[in-house]
């Protein structure tokens, strides 16, 4: 997978309402023992992130996470902008994620996310 495909598949895991589909997307890109950190949580592993995504989706049914920038990569580090689109078409403030990729660049080892614009 290219870095863009890897990140887009990761975003699909956040968007899918079906738990089995969500797990399939995340398993395809998430490295064993990978971590996810944002201002509200810090989780480790596939099961931890799946549980977090399920709780976020329960708060915003039908919301979609969409990548809104190119994926900028150097030295197995990536960054990309995203936003959440609600079913009524409104969007939440954009965020930015930083990803650490595996040595071969095919899996995500760590995501650190920030919400909203930098002021």
C-alpha atoms as a PDB file:
ATOM      1  CA  UNK A   1       0.000   0.000   0.000  1.00  0.00           C
ATOM      2  CA  UNK A   2       1.123   3.547  -0.639  1.00  0.00           C
ATOM      3  CA  UNK A   3       1.133   5.895   2.361  1.00  0.00           C
ATOM      4  CA  UNK A   4      -2.090   7.464   1.025  1.00  0.00           C
ATOM      5  CA  UNK A   5      -3.780   4.058   0.756  1.00  0.00           C
ATOM      6  CA  UNK A   6      -2.590   3.151   4.236  1.00  0.00           C
ATOM      7  CA  UNK A   7      -3.994   6.336   5.773  1.00  0.00           C
ATOM      8  CA  UNK A   8      -7.227   6.160   3.778  1.00  0.00           C
ATOM      9  CA  UNK A   9      -7.795   2.597   4.992  1.00  0.00           C
ATOM     10  CA  UNK A  10      -7.159   3.807   8.550  1.00  0.00           C
ATOM     11  CA  UNK A  11      -9.783   6.555   8.036  1.00  0.00           C
ATOM     12  CA  UNK A  12     -12.237   3.923   6.753  1.00  0.00           C
ATOM     13  CA  UNK A  13     -11.859   2.113  10.076  1.00  0.00           C
ATOM     14  CA  UNK A  14     -13.071   5.306  11.779  1.00  0.00           C
ATOM     15  CA  UNK A  15     -15.957   5.661   9.317  1.00  0.00           C
ATOM     16  CA  UNK A  16     -17.348   2.129   9.080  1.00  0.00           C
ATOM     17  CA  UNK A  17     -20.496   1.522  11.132  1.00  0.00           C
ATOM     18  CA  UNK A  18     -20.072  -2.252  10.878  1.00  0.00           C
ATOM     19  CA  UNK A  19     -17.748  -3.560  13.635  1.00  0.00           C
ATOM     20  CA  UNK A  20     -16.467  -6.469  11.505  1.00  0.00           C
ATOM     21  CA  UNK A  21     -15.682  -4.163   8.581  1.00  0.00           C
ATOM     22  CA  UNK A  22     -14.044  -1.663  10.944  1.00  0.00           C
ATOM     23  CA  UNK A  23     -11.833  -4.410  12.365  1.00  0.00           C
ATOM     24  CA  UNK A  24     -10.922  -5.663   8.880  1.00  0.00           C
ATOM     25  CA  UNK A  25      -9.816  -2.172   7.796  1.00  0.00           C
ATOM     26  CA  UNK A  26      -7.802  -1.586  10.955  1.00  0.00           C
ATOM     27  CA  UNK A  27      -6.173  -5.044  10.919  1.00  0.00           C
ATOM     28  CA  UNK A  28      -4.899  -4.286   7.413  1.00  0.00           C
ATOM     29  CA  UNK A  29      -2.914  -1.242   8.579  1.00  0.00           C
ATOM     30  CA  UNK A  30      -2.431  -1.352  12.374  1.00  0.00           C
ATOM     31  CA  UNK A  31       0.861  -2.785  13.638  1.00  0.00           C
ATOM     32  CA  UNK A  32       0.927  -5.118  16.612  1.00  0.00           C
ATOM     33  CA  UNK A  33       1.128  -3.041  19.782  1.00  0.00           C
ATOM     34  CA  UNK A  34       0.548   0.228  17.924  1.00  0.00           C
ATOM     35  CA  UNK A  35      -0.643   3.218  19.949  1.00  0.00           C
ATOM     36  CA  UNK A  36      -3.215   5.935  19.365  1.00  0.00           C
ATOM     37  CA  UNK A  37      -3.135   9.208  21.301  1.00  0.00           C
ATOM     38  CA  UNK A  38      -5.337  12.281  21.050  1.00  0.00           C
ATOM     39  CA  UNK A  39      -6.307  14.977  23.577  1.00  0.00           C
ATOM     40  CA  UNK A  40      -8.986  12.704  25.074  1.00  0.00           C
ATOM     41  CA  UNK A  41      -7.408   9.237  25.099  1.00  0.00           C
ATOM     42  CA  UNK A  42      -4.332   7.078  24.834  1.00  0.00           C
ATOM     43  CA  UNK A  43      -4.837   3.442  23.781  1.00  0.00           C
ATOM     44  CA  UNK A  44      -2.598   0.553  22.818  1.00  0.00           C
ATOM     45  CA  UNK A  45      -3.253  -2.276  20.391  1.00  0.00           C
ATOM     46  CA  UNK A  46      -5.983  -3.210  17.973  1.00  0.00           C
ATOM     47  CA  UNK A  47      -8.647  -3.955  20.579  1.00  0.00           C
ATOM     48  CA  UNK A  48      -8.001  -0.697  22.424  1.00  0.00           C
ATOM     49  CA  UNK A  49      -8.413   1.393  19.287  1.00  0.00           C
ATOM     50  CA  UNK A  50     -11.463  -0.550  18.117  1.00  0.00           C
ATOM     51  CA  UNK A  51     -13.146   0.083  21.483  1.00  0.00           C
ATOM     52  CA  UNK A  52     -12.294   3.791  21.310  1.00  0.00           C
ATOM     53  CA  UNK A  53     -13.625   4.122  17.757  1.00  0.00           C
ATOM     54  CA  UNK A  54     -16.856   2.362  18.781  1.00  0.00           C
ATOM     55  CA  UNK A  55     -17.371   4.807  21.649  1.00  0.00           C
ATOM     56  CA  UNK A  56     -16.736   7.810  19.385  1.00  0.00           C
ATOM     57  CA  UNK A  57     -19.141   6.448  16.786  1.00  0.00           C
ATOM     58  CA  UNK A  58     -21.810   5.921  19.451  1.00  0.00           C
ATOM     59  CA  UNK A  59     -21.624   9.670  20.167  1.00  0.00           C
ATOM     60  CA  UNK A  60     -21.818  10.631  16.462  1.00  0.00           C
ATOM     61  CA  UNK A  61     -23.732   7.955  14.510  1.00  0.00           C
ATOM     62  CA  UNK A  62     -23.133   8.145  10.768  1.00  0.00           C
ATOM     63  CA  UNK A  63     -20.150  10.490  11.018  1.00  0.00           C
ATOM     64  CA  UNK A  64     -17.336   9.988   8.501  1.00  0.00           C
ATOM     65  CA  UNK A  65     -13.632  10.757   8.930  1.00  0.00           C
ATOM     66  CA  UNK A  66     -12.241  12.178   5.679  1.00  0.00           C
ATOM     67  CA  UNK A  67      -8.623  12.927   4.816  1.00  0.00           C
ATOM     68  CA  UNK A  68      -8.483  16.538   3.595  1.00  0.00           C
ATOM     69  CA  UNK A  69      -4.814  16.878   2.626  1.00  0.00           C
ATOM     70  CA  UNK A  70      -2.131  14.901   0.944  1.00  0.00           C
ATOM     71  CA  UNK A  71      -0.139  12.509   3.122  1.00  0.00           C
ATOM     72  CA  UNK A  72       3.249  14.097   3.758  1.00  0.00           C
ATOM     73  CA  UNK A  73       5.920  11.446   4.526  1.00  0.00           C
ATOM     74  CA  UNK A  74       9.596  11.460   5.438  1.00  0.00           C
ATOM     75  CA  UNK A  75      11.731   9.032   7.456  1.00  0.00           C
ATOM     76  CA  UNK A  76       8.729   6.744   8.106  1.00  0.00           C
ATOM     77  CA  UNK A  77       6.792   9.641   9.653  1.00  0.00           C
ATOM     78  CA  UNK A  78       3.595  10.939   8.100  1.00  0.00           C
ATOM     79  CA  UNK A  79       1.161  13.759   8.680  1.00  0.00           C
ATOM     80  CA  UNK A  80      -2.262  14.472   7.248  1.00  0.00           C
ATOM     81  CA  UNK A  81      -5.281  16.690   7.859  1.00  0.00           C
ATOM     82  CA  UNK A  82      -8.778  15.305   8.292  1.00  0.00           C
ATOM     83  CA  UNK A  83     -12.242  16.364   9.333  1.00  0.00           C
ATOM     84  CA  UNK A  84     -15.393  14.677  10.522  1.00  0.00           C
ATOM     85  CA  UNK A  85     -18.446  14.994   8.271  1.00  0.00           C
ATOM     86  CA  UNK A  86     -21.771  14.543  10.024  1.00  0.00           C
ATOM     87  CA  UNK A  87     -24.760  12.929   8.260  1.00  0.00           C
ATOM     88  CA  UNK A  88     -26.465  16.323   7.814  1.00  0.00           C
ATOM     89  CA  UNK A  89     -23.443  17.598   5.844  1.00  0.00           C
ATOM     90  CA  UNK A  90     -21.909  19.779   8.542  1.00  0.00           C
ATOM     91  CA  UNK A  91     -18.277  19.249   9.421  1.00  0.00           C
ATOM     92  CA  UNK A  92     -16.398  19.488  12.676  1.00  0.00           C
ATOM     93  CA  UNK A  93     -13.168  21.507  12.877  1.00  0.00           C
ATOM     94  CA  UNK A  94     -10.286  19.931  11.016  1.00  0.00           C
ATOM     95  CA  UNK A  95      -7.618  17.994  12.863  1.00  0.00           C
ATOM     96  CA  UNK A  96      -4.132  16.771  12.089  1.00  0.00           C
ATOM     97  CA  UNK A  97      -2.643  13.363  12.746  1.00  0.00           C
ATOM     98  CA  UNK A  98       0.989  12.368  12.844  1.00  0.00           C
ATOM     99  CA  UNK A  99       1.754   8.737  12.097  1.00  0.00           C
ATOM    100  CA  UNK A 100       4.847   6.644  12.673  1.00  0.00           C
ATOM    101  CA  UNK A 101       5.059   3.905  10.059  1.00  0.00           C
ATOM    102  CA  UNK A 102       6.696   0.492  10.300  1.00  0.00           C
ATOM    103  CA  UNK A 103      10.214   0.112   8.905  1.00  0.00           C
ATOM    104  CA  UNK A 104       8.828  -1.248   5.633  1.00  0.00           C
ATOM    105  CA  UNK A 105       6.177   1.513   5.514  1.00  0.00           C
ATOM    106  CA  UNK A 106       3.244  -0.899   5.298  1.00  0.00           C
ATOM    107  CA  UNK A 107       1.726  -0.532   8.780  1.00  0.00           C
ATOM    108  CA  UNK A 108       0.995   2.177  11.333  1.00  0.00           C
ATOM    109  CA  UNK A 109       2.971   1.948  14.583  1.00  0.00           C
ATOM    110  CA  UNK A 110       1.642   5.094  16.218  1.00  0.00           C
ATOM    111  CA  UNK A 111      -0.878   7.876  15.634  1.00  0.00           C
ATOM    112  CA  UNK A 112      -0.830  11.154  17.542  1.00  0.00           C
ATOM    113  CA  UNK A 113      -3.798  13.371  16.773  1.00  0.00           C
ATOM    114  CA  UNK A 114      -4.650  16.995  17.436  1.00  0.00           C
ATOM    115  CA  UNK A 115      -8.094  18.607  17.119  1.00  0.00           C
ATOM    116  CA  UNK A 116      -8.881  21.994  15.613  1.00  0.00           C
ATOM    117  CA  UNK A 117      -6.652  24.707  14.173  1.00  0.00           C
ATOM    118  CA  UNK A 118      -3.374  25.691  15.774  1.00  0.00           C
ATOM    119  CA  UNK A 119      -3.786  29.175  17.234  1.00  0.00           C
END
